[in-house]
Amino acid sequence: MTVQATTFSGHRLHARRTAIGMRRETLAVAIGCTYGIVARWEQSNAAPSAVYLMRLCAVLDCAVGDLFDTTSPVAVPA
């Protein structure tokens, strides 16, 4: 059996935010968190909870998968 591993991508979050010309402070206010939390996510020092992830997608007008990196399939022992 193989599975694909996915990880939250701070780089993708940063790229999406800057592509629409939004500042970290503006994004933080829009989703109800602090500038520091957004900075930690973008630097890949933390990942948003499901609630914040949904808010990010709504504000950035993207799908959840757009904020994740997918690695090559990994074989998992049955």
Protein backbone atom coordinates (compact mmCIF):
# COMPACT_ATOMS: atom_id res chain seq x y z
CA MET A 1 0.00 0.00 0.00
CA THR A 2 1.26 3.50 -0.79
CA VAL A 3 0.20 6.85 0.59
CA GLN A 4 1.11 10.40 -0.29
CA ALA A 5 2.44 12.50 2.55
CA THR A 6 1.38 16.13 2.65
CA THR A 7 2.74 18.96 4.74
CA PHE A 8 1.59 22.52 5.24
CA SER A 9 3.66 24.89 3.11
CA GLY A 10 4.54 28.25 4.61
CA HIS A 11 6.10 29.17 1.26
CA ARG A 12 2.79 28.57 -0.54
CA LEU A 13 0.92 30.64 2.04
CA HIS A 14 3.39 33.49 1.64
CA ALA A 15 3.21 33.28 -2.17
CA ARG A 16 -0.59 33.28 -2.17
CA ARG A 17 -0.79 36.24 0.25
CA THR A 18 1.73 38.36 -1.64
CA ALA A 19 0.18 37.49 -5.02
CA ILE A 20 -2.99 39.28 -3.97
CA GLY A 21 -1.07 42.16 -2.40
CA MET A 22 -2.11 41.44 1.18
CA ARG A 23 0.07 42.27 4.19
CA ARG A 24 0.55 39.86 7.08
CA GLU A 25 -1.23 42.24 9.43
CA THR A 26 -4.24 42.43 7.14
CA LEU A 27 -4.44 38.65 6.82
CA ALA A 28 -4.14 38.21 10.57
CA VAL A 29 -7.03 40.59 11.24
CA ALA A 30 -9.14 38.99 8.52
CA ILE A 31 -8.83 35.50 10.04
CA GLY A 32 -8.81 36.52 13.69
CA CYS A 33 -5.24 35.82 14.79
CA THR A 34 -2.02 37.77 15.33
CA TYR A 35 0.71 38.91 12.96
CA GLY A 36 3.16 36.65 14.81
CA ILE A 37 1.09 33.55 14.17
CA VAL A 38 0.90 34.28 10.44
CA ALA A 39 4.68 34.84 10.43
CA ARG A 40 5.26 31.47 12.15
CA TRP A 41 3.08 29.72 9.56
CA GLU A 42 4.88 31.40 6.67
CA GLN A 43 8.27 30.50 8.12
CA SER A 44 7.07 26.88 8.49
CA ASN A 45 7.62 26.99 12.26
CA ALA A 46 3.99 26.00 12.85
CA ALA A 47 0.91 24.94 10.91
CA PRO A 48 -2.59 26.38 11.24
CA SER A 49 -5.37 24.44 12.92
CA ALA A 50 -8.27 23.25 10.78
CA VAL A 51 -10.33 26.30 11.76
CA TYR A 52 -7.62 28.75 10.71
CA LEU A 53 -6.88 26.74 7.60
CA MET A 54 -10.49 27.13 6.46
CA ARG A 55 -10.38 30.86 7.24
CA LEU A 56 -7.13 31.23 5.28
CA CYS A 57 -8.66 29.52 2.27
CA ALA A 58 -11.74 31.74 2.41
CA VAL A 59 -9.73 34.97 2.62
CA LEU A 60 -7.10 33.90 0.07
CA ASP A 61 -9.73 32.37 -2.23
CA CYS A 62 -7.94 29.06 -2.60
CA ALA A 63 -8.45 25.37 -1.94
CA VAL A 64 -6.96 23.66 1.11
CA GLY A 65 -4.66 21.65 -1.13
CA ASP A 66 -3.15 24.85 -2.51
CA LEU A 67 -1.46 25.43 0.86
CA PHE A 68 0.13 21.98 1.12
CA ASP A 69 3.13 20.29 -0.49
CA THR A 70 2.72 16.70 -1.58
CA THR A 71 5.67 14.36 -1.45
CA SER A 72 6.24 11.25 -3.50
CA PRO A 73 4.15 8.20 -2.62
CA VAL A 74 5.56 6.25 0.31
CA ALA A 75 5.18 2.50 0.70
CA VAL A 76 3.45 1.61 3.96
CA PRO A 77 3.65 -1.97 5.27
CA ALA A 78 0.27 -3.64 5.43
